[in-house]
Amino acid sequence: MEGDIRYAKQEGVCVLKLTGDIRYTTGPAAVISRSLDTFFDKLFAAGDIQDVVVDMSETTAIDSTNLGLLARLYTWMQERNGRRPTIVSTNPDVTRTLESVGFDRVFAIVSEPRSIQASLERLPQVEGTQREMLQLILQAHRRLMEMSEDNAEMFAPAVALMDAELHRDR
């Protein structure tokens, strides 16, 4: 199932609903990744959110690029109010993926879906150039590397290749 991200903001809480396959490698997912990154920029700048819930109860897969984007939530929440964002994950495969990159140490991962009272809107679509997309992927993987030594070891080769590619194109 093609990936989709929707959101709602209500009473200081932002809910992100990730549905389907959230991977950069699938065609429209490149736009999803860029759209999510841009959405976070605007969300953080507005400053009216006190808590974030990422509902992944209908997510079938998520890749490291999008995990790196979600890692921004943790950093932002820590700087803002010291709270941990919540991830709802009912799919054991998705939960294992989250745990494999250490999200269980920085997010509150719960398995009970939460009802969303507000209507969800699709993220505004943002496209980017090939260079912008490579920068986004590189930044996302660097964020994952910062989370743990295991991640640093796991993603170092990919980050080195992307960094070399980015600097070669200058």
Protein backbone atom coordinates (compact mmCIF):
# COMPACT_ATOMS: atom_id res chain seq x y z
CA MET A 1 0.00 0.00 0.00
CA GLU A 2 1.37 3.40 -0.99
CA GLY A 3 2.42 5.57 1.91
CA ASP A 4 0.49 8.56 3.18
CA ILE A 5 0.95 10.99 6.06
CA ARG A 6 -1.83 13.06 7.53
CA TYR A 7 -1.88 15.35 10.53
CA ALA A 8 -4.12 17.14 12.98
CA LYS A 9 -3.39 19.75 15.64
CA GLN A 10 -5.67 20.07 18.61
CA GLU A 11 -5.20 21.69 22.01
CA GLY A 12 -1.40 21.77 21.83
CA VAL A 13 -1.04 18.22 20.50
CA CYS A 14 0.05 17.33 16.98
CA VAL A 15 -0.97 13.91 15.70
CA LEU A 16 0.78 12.45 12.67
CA LYS A 17 -0.87 9.43 11.05
CA LEU A 18 1.50 7.36 8.90
CA THR A 19 -0.30 4.85 6.71
CA GLY A 20 1.10 2.16 4.44
CA ASP A 21 4.65 1.92 3.16
CA ILE A 22 6.68 4.95 4.29
CA ARG A 23 9.89 4.46 2.37
CA TYR A 24 11.90 6.93 0.36
CA THR A 25 12.52 4.41 -2.41
CA THR A 26 8.88 4.29 -3.45
CA GLY A 27 8.07 7.00 -6.00
CA PRO A 28 5.74 9.38 -4.18
CA ALA A 29 7.52 8.64 -0.90
CA ALA A 30 10.34 10.99 -1.93
CA VAL A 31 7.74 13.75 -1.92
CA ILE A 32 6.38 12.42 1.39
CA SER A 33 9.85 12.62 2.97
CA ARG A 34 10.42 16.18 1.76
CA SER A 35 6.88 17.15 2.81
CA LEU A 36 7.41 15.71 6.31
CA ASP A 37 10.70 17.55 6.70
CA THR A 38 9.09 20.85 5.62
CA PHE A 39 6.10 20.21 7.90
CA PHE A 40 8.45 19.78 10.87
CA ASP A 41 10.20 23.06 10.02
CA LYS A 42 6.86 24.88 10.16
CA LEU A 43 5.62 22.98 13.23
CA PHE A 44 8.74 23.77 15.22
CA ALA A 45 8.76 27.43 14.13
CA ALA A 46 5.12 27.95 15.17
CA GLY A 47 5.88 26.89 18.74
CA ASP A 48 2.25 26.15 19.67
CA ILE A 49 2.66 22.38 20.13
CA GLN A 50 3.38 20.81 23.52
CA ASP A 51 3.15 17.14 22.58
CA VAL A 52 3.40 14.94 19.50
CA VAL A 53 1.82 11.55 18.81
CA VAL A 54 2.92 9.56 15.77
CA ASP A 55 0.24 7.01 14.94
CA MET A 56 1.89 4.15 13.05
CA SER A 57 -0.92 1.66 13.73
CA GLU A 58 -1.53 1.41 9.96
CA THR A 59 2.11 1.63 8.87
CA THR A 60 3.35 -1.46 7.04
CA ALA A 61 7.01 -0.39 6.67
CA ILE A 62 9.25 2.61 7.30
CA ASP A 63 12.79 3.21 6.11
CA SER A 64 15.81 4.80 7.74
CA THR A 65 15.36 8.12 5.94
CA ASN A 66 11.90 8.63 7.41
CA LEU A 67 13.04 7.31 10.79
CA GLY A 68 15.76 9.96 10.72
CA LEU A 69 13.13 12.59 10.01
CA LEU A 70 11.04 11.34 12.95
CA ALA A 71 14.14 11.53 15.15
CA ARG A 72 13.87 15.33 14.78
CA LEU A 73 10.73 15.12 16.92
CA TYR A 74 12.63 13.74 19.87
CA THR A 75 15.33 16.40 19.67
CA TRP A 76 12.78 19.19 19.34
CA MET A 77 10.62 17.91 22.21
CA GLN A 78 13.67 17.58 24.48
CA GLU A 79 14.74 21.14 23.73
CA ARG A 80 11.20 22.47 24.07
CA ASN A 81 9.86 20.78 27.20
CA GLY A 82 11.88 17.65 28.01
CA ARG A 83 9.03 15.33 26.99
CA ARG A 84 9.25 12.21 24.88
CA PRO A 85 7.00 12.04 21.81
CA THR A 86 4.70 9.03 21.60
CA ILE A 87 4.62 6.47 18.81
CA VAL A 88 1.65 4.13 18.45
CA SER A 89 2.79 0.92 16.76
CA THR A 90 0.59 -2.15 16.52
CA ASN A 91 2.60 -3.92 13.79
CA PRO A 92 5.33 -6.12 15.36
CA ASP A 93 7.59 -5.68 12.31
CA VAL A 94 7.37 -1.90 12.52
CA THR A 95 7.94 -2.00 16.29
CA ARG A 96 11.07 -4.14 15.76
CA THR A 97 12.33 -1.61 13.21
CA LEU A 98 11.76 1.23 15.69
CA GLU A 99 13.56 -0.69 18.43
CA SER A 100 16.45 -1.60 16.12
CA VAL A 101 17.43 2.07 15.82
CA GLY A 102 16.87 2.86 19.50
CA PHE A 103 13.53 4.64 19.27
CA ASP A 104 12.35 2.71 22.33
CA ARG A 105 14.91 4.71 24.35
CA VAL A 106 13.80 8.16 23.17
CA PHE A 107 10.11 7.77 22.26
CA ALA A 108 7.27 6.36 24.32
CA ILE A 109 6.17 3.43 22.13
CA VAL A 110 2.68 2.15 22.87
CA SER A 111 0.66 -0.58 21.18
CA GLU A 112 -2.83 0.71 21.90
CA PRO A 113 -4.30 2.83 19.11
CA ARG A 114 -5.66 6.18 20.23
CA SER A 115 -8.79 7.70 18.85
CA ILE A 116 -8.28 10.94 17.02
CA GLN A 117 -11.10 13.43 17.50
CA ALA A 118 -9.86 16.04 15.00
CA SER A 119 -10.10 15.52 11.26
CA LEU A 120 -6.81 14.63 9.65
CA GLU A 121 -5.41 16.67 6.77
CA ARG A 122 -2.89 15.51 4.20
CA LEU A 123 0.54 17.07 4.55
CA PRO A 124 1.08 19.80 1.97
CA GLN A 125 3.13 18.24 -0.83
CA VAL A 126 6.66 19.60 -1.25
CA GLU A 127 8.95 18.46 -4.02
CA GLY A 128 12.68 19.02 -4.09
CA THR A 129 15.61 18.88 -6.43
CA GLN A 130 17.79 15.80 -6.54
CA ARG A 131 20.45 17.65 -4.51
CA GLU A 132 17.91 18.73 -1.88
CA MET A 133 16.68 15.17 -1.58
CA LEU A 134 20.22 13.84 -1.14
CA GLN A 135 20.83 16.46 1.57
CA LEU A 136 17.60 15.42 3.31
CA ILE A 137 18.59 11.74 3.24
CA LEU A 138 22.07 12.56 4.51
CA GLN A 139 20.74 14.72 7.38
CA ALA A 140 18.21 12.05 8.34
CA HIS A 141 20.90 9.37 8.55
CA ARG A 142 23.23 11.64 10.52
CA ARG A 143 20.42 12.14 13.05
CA LEU A 144 20.07 8.38 13.40
CA MET A 145 23.83 8.06 13.87
CA GLU A 146 23.69 10.58 16.73
CA MET A 147 21.17 8.44 18.60
CA SER A 148 23.53 5.57 19.45
CA GLU A 149 26.90 3.99 18.80
CA ASP A 150 25.17 1.05 17.12
CA ASN A 151 23.44 3.42 14.70
CA ALA A 152 26.70 5.27 14.08
CA GLU A 153 28.35 2.02 13.11
CA MET A 154 25.39 0.82 11.04
CA PHE A 155 24.89 4.01 9.00
CA ALA A 156 28.49 5.30 8.72
CA PRO A 157 29.21 3.65 5.34
CA ALA A 158 25.99 4.98 3.76
CA VAL A 159 26.57 8.47 5.18
CA ALA A 160 30.15 8.50 3.87
CA LEU A 161 28.94 7.53 0.38
CA MET A 162 26.18 10.15 0.37
CA ASP A 163 28.54 12.82 1.68
CA ALA A 164 31.05 12.02 -1.06
CA GLU A 165 28.29 12.11 -3.68
CA LEU A 166 27.04 15.46 -2.41
CA HIS A 167 30.50 17.03 -2.44
CA ARG A 168 31.38 15.56 -5.86
CA ASP A 169 28.41 17.36 -7.44
CA ARG A 170 29.54 20.80 -6.28
